[in-house]
Amino acid sequence: MFFEFGIKLNKKIGVKKMSKKRTKYTSTFKTKLVLELLQNESTLVQIASKHNILPQNLQNWKKTFLANAEIAMEPSKAVKEYKKSLLNHKSKMNA
């Protein structure tokens, strides 16, 4: 066996084995980086390099962030239901 580009190769059968597990990033970390990118103070490549991540990951996180930005501006379902229950309660009290 020998190592090449961080991938463990089995010389006899030519099977590639990953030498490293996939890294999972928190939503807080992803959001921080996307906001940094949206501030236009650094390029996508600069931010990715600084945080040792793939530029494509950051690009995907940005797309997801922007696609879901509208949700952040809408009241949550729980808030809507709470307001509805308050209105029902008030109408029963006034009746």
C-alpha atoms as a PDB file:
ATOM      1  CA  MET A   1       0.000   0.000   0.000  1.00  0.00           C
ATOM      2  CA  PHE A   2       1.074   3.562  -0.581  1.00  0.00           C
ATOM      3  CA  PHE A   3      -0.385   7.039  -0.124  1.00  0.00           C
ATOM      4  CA  GLU A   4      -1.055   9.520  -2.863  1.00  0.00           C
ATOM      5  CA  PHE A   5      -2.955  12.807  -2.515  1.00  0.00           C
ATOM      6  CA  GLY A   6      -4.334  11.785   0.876  1.00  0.00           C
ATOM      7  CA  ILE A   7      -6.059   8.689  -0.555  1.00  0.00           C
ATOM      8  CA  LYS A   8      -5.019   5.239   0.551  1.00  0.00           C
ATOM      9  CA  LEU A   9      -4.567   2.993  -2.483  1.00  0.00           C
ATOM     10  CA  ASN A  10      -4.390  -0.765  -2.380  1.00  0.00           C
ATOM     11  CA  LYS A  11      -1.674  -1.613  -4.902  1.00  0.00           C
ATOM     12  CA  LYS A  12      -2.830  -5.196  -5.474  1.00  0.00           C
ATOM     13  CA  ILE A  13      -6.476  -4.626  -6.369  1.00  0.00           C
ATOM     14  CA  GLY A  14      -6.543  -0.901  -7.180  1.00  0.00           C
ATOM     15  CA  VAL A  15      -9.212  -0.044  -4.606  1.00  0.00           C
ATOM     16  CA  LYS A  16      -9.263   3.516  -3.332  1.00  0.00           C
ATOM     17  CA  LYS A  17     -10.049   3.984   0.332  1.00  0.00           C
ATOM     18  CA  MET A  18     -10.790   7.346   1.830  1.00  0.00           C
ATOM     19  CA  SER A  19      -8.307   8.146   4.546  1.00  0.00           C
ATOM     20  CA  LYS A  20     -10.471  10.858   6.069  1.00  0.00           C
ATOM     21  CA  LYS A  21     -14.118  11.044   7.126  1.00  0.00           C
ATOM     22  CA  ARG A  22     -16.424  13.707   5.744  1.00  0.00           C
ATOM     23  CA  THR A  23     -16.409  16.854   7.862  1.00  0.00           C
ATOM     24  CA  LYS A  24     -19.760  18.117   9.142  1.00  0.00           C
ATOM     25  CA  TYR A  25     -20.166  21.852   9.675  1.00  0.00           C
ATOM     26  CA  THR A  26     -22.657  23.515  12.013  1.00  0.00           C
ATOM     27  CA  SER A  27     -25.360  25.785  10.664  1.00  0.00           C
ATOM     28  CA  THR A  28     -23.846  28.608  12.731  1.00  0.00           C
ATOM     29  CA  PHE A  29     -20.476  28.174  11.011  1.00  0.00           C
ATOM     30  CA  LYS A  30     -22.091  28.029   7.560  1.00  0.00           C
ATOM     31  CA  THR A  31     -24.178  31.133   8.234  1.00  0.00           C
ATOM     32  CA  LYS A  32     -21.154  33.051   9.523  1.00  0.00           C
ATOM     33  CA  LEU A  33     -19.203  32.295   6.350  1.00  0.00           C
ATOM     34  CA  VAL A  34     -22.113  33.101   4.028  1.00  0.00           C
ATOM     35  CA  LEU A  35     -22.665  36.444   5.756  1.00  0.00           C
ATOM     36  CA  GLU A  36     -18.944  37.164   5.459  1.00  0.00           C
ATOM     37  CA  LEU A  37     -19.202  36.408   1.738  1.00  0.00           C
ATOM     38  CA  LEU A  38     -22.286  38.602   1.273  1.00  0.00           C
ATOM     39  CA  GLN A  39     -20.490  41.567   2.859  1.00  0.00           C
ATOM     40  CA  ASN A  40     -18.196  41.578  -0.210  1.00  0.00           C
ATOM     41  CA  GLU A  41     -15.070  42.274   1.837  1.00  0.00           C
ATOM     42  CA  SER A  42     -13.437  39.009   0.710  1.00  0.00           C
ATOM     43  CA  THR A  43     -13.887  36.757  -2.290  1.00  0.00           C
ATOM     44  CA  LEU A  44     -15.388  33.294  -2.128  1.00  0.00           C
ATOM     45  CA  VAL A  45     -11.969  31.722  -2.723  1.00  0.00           C
ATOM     46  CA  GLN A  46     -10.339  33.856  -0.019  1.00  0.00           C
ATOM     47  CA  ILE A  47     -12.950  32.909   2.581  1.00  0.00           C
ATOM     48  CA  ALA A  48     -12.830  29.228   1.631  1.00  0.00           C
ATOM     49  CA  SER A  49      -9.041  29.216   1.839  1.00  0.00           C
ATOM     50  CA  LYS A  50      -9.023  31.052   5.161  1.00  0.00           C
ATOM     51  CA  HIS A  51     -11.383  28.476   6.713  1.00  0.00           C
ATOM     52  CA  ASN A  52      -9.894  25.467   4.914  1.00  0.00           C
ATOM     53  CA  ILE A  53     -13.086  24.465   3.088  1.00  0.00           C
ATOM     54  CA  LEU A  54     -13.892  23.815  -0.548  1.00  0.00           C
ATOM     55  CA  PRO A  55     -15.126  26.884  -2.466  1.00  0.00           C
ATOM     56  CA  GLN A  56     -17.977  24.765  -3.874  1.00  0.00           C
ATOM     57  CA  ASN A  57     -19.230  24.087  -0.335  1.00  0.00           C
ATOM     58  CA  LEU A  58     -19.391  27.807   0.374  1.00  0.00           C
ATOM     59  CA  GLN A  59     -21.152  28.427  -2.943  1.00  0.00           C
ATOM     60  CA  ASN A  60     -23.749  25.747  -2.090  1.00  0.00           C
ATOM     61  CA  TRP A  61     -24.283  27.199   1.384  1.00  0.00           C
ATOM     62  CA  LYS A  62     -24.812  30.651  -0.136  1.00  0.00           C
ATOM     63  CA  LYS A  63     -27.426  29.294  -2.578  1.00  0.00           C
ATOM     64  CA  THR A  64     -29.254  27.513   0.241  1.00  0.00           C
ATOM     65  CA  PHE A  65     -29.086  30.602   2.449  1.00  0.00           C
ATOM     66  CA  LEU A  66     -30.496  32.902  -0.224  1.00  0.00           C
ATOM     67  CA  ALA A  67     -33.179  30.404  -1.259  1.00  0.00           C
ATOM     68  CA  ASN A  68     -34.436  30.266   2.328  1.00  0.00           C
ATOM     69  CA  ALA A  69     -33.984  33.933   3.268  1.00  0.00           C
ATOM     70  CA  GLU A  70     -37.686  34.663   2.776  1.00  0.00           C
ATOM     71  CA  ILE A  71     -38.569  32.194   5.529  1.00  0.00           C
ATOM     72  CA  ALA A  72     -36.648  34.302   8.046  1.00  0.00           C
ATOM     73  CA  MET A  73     -38.908  37.269   7.297  1.00  0.00           C
ATOM     74  CA  GLU A  74     -42.148  35.368   7.838  1.00  0.00           C
ATOM     75  CA  PRO A  75     -43.598  34.720  11.264  1.00  0.00           C
ATOM     76  CA  SER A  76     -43.265  31.111  12.266  1.00  0.00           C
ATOM     77  CA  LYS A  77     -46.198  28.740  12.239  1.00  0.00           C
ATOM     78  CA  ALA A  78     -46.095  28.593  16.036  1.00  0.00           C
ATOM     79  CA  VAL A  79     -46.393  32.387  16.274  1.00  0.00           C
ATOM     80  CA  LYS A  80     -49.323  32.396  13.835  1.00  0.00           C
ATOM     81  CA  GLU A  81     -51.103  29.681  15.821  1.00  0.00           C
ATOM     82  CA  TYR A  82     -50.474  31.526  19.094  1.00  0.00           C
ATOM     83  CA  LYS A  83     -51.931  34.760  17.683  1.00  0.00           C
ATOM     84  CA  LYS A  84     -54.929  32.841  16.354  1.00  0.00           C
ATOM     85  CA  SER A  85     -55.549  31.254  19.762  1.00  0.00           C
ATOM     86  CA  LEU A  86     -55.318  34.683  21.427  1.00  0.00           C
ATOM     87  CA  LEU A  87     -57.890  36.087  19.017  1.00  0.00           C
ATOM     88  CA  ASN A  88     -60.191  33.125  19.670  1.00  0.00           C
ATOM     89  CA  HIS A  89     -59.775  33.577  23.405  1.00  0.00           C
ATOM     90  CA  LYS A  90     -60.543  37.324  23.148  1.00  0.00           C
ATOM     91  CA  SER A  91     -63.646  36.705  21.047  1.00  0.00           C
ATOM     92  CA  LYS A  92     -64.919  34.168  23.622  1.00  0.00           C
ATOM     93  CA  MET A  93     -64.272  36.646  26.450  1.00  0.00           C
ATOM     94  CA  ASN A  94     -66.191  39.408  24.632  1.00  0.00           C
ATOM     95  CA  ALA A  95     -69.145  37.159  23.770  1.00  0.00           C
END
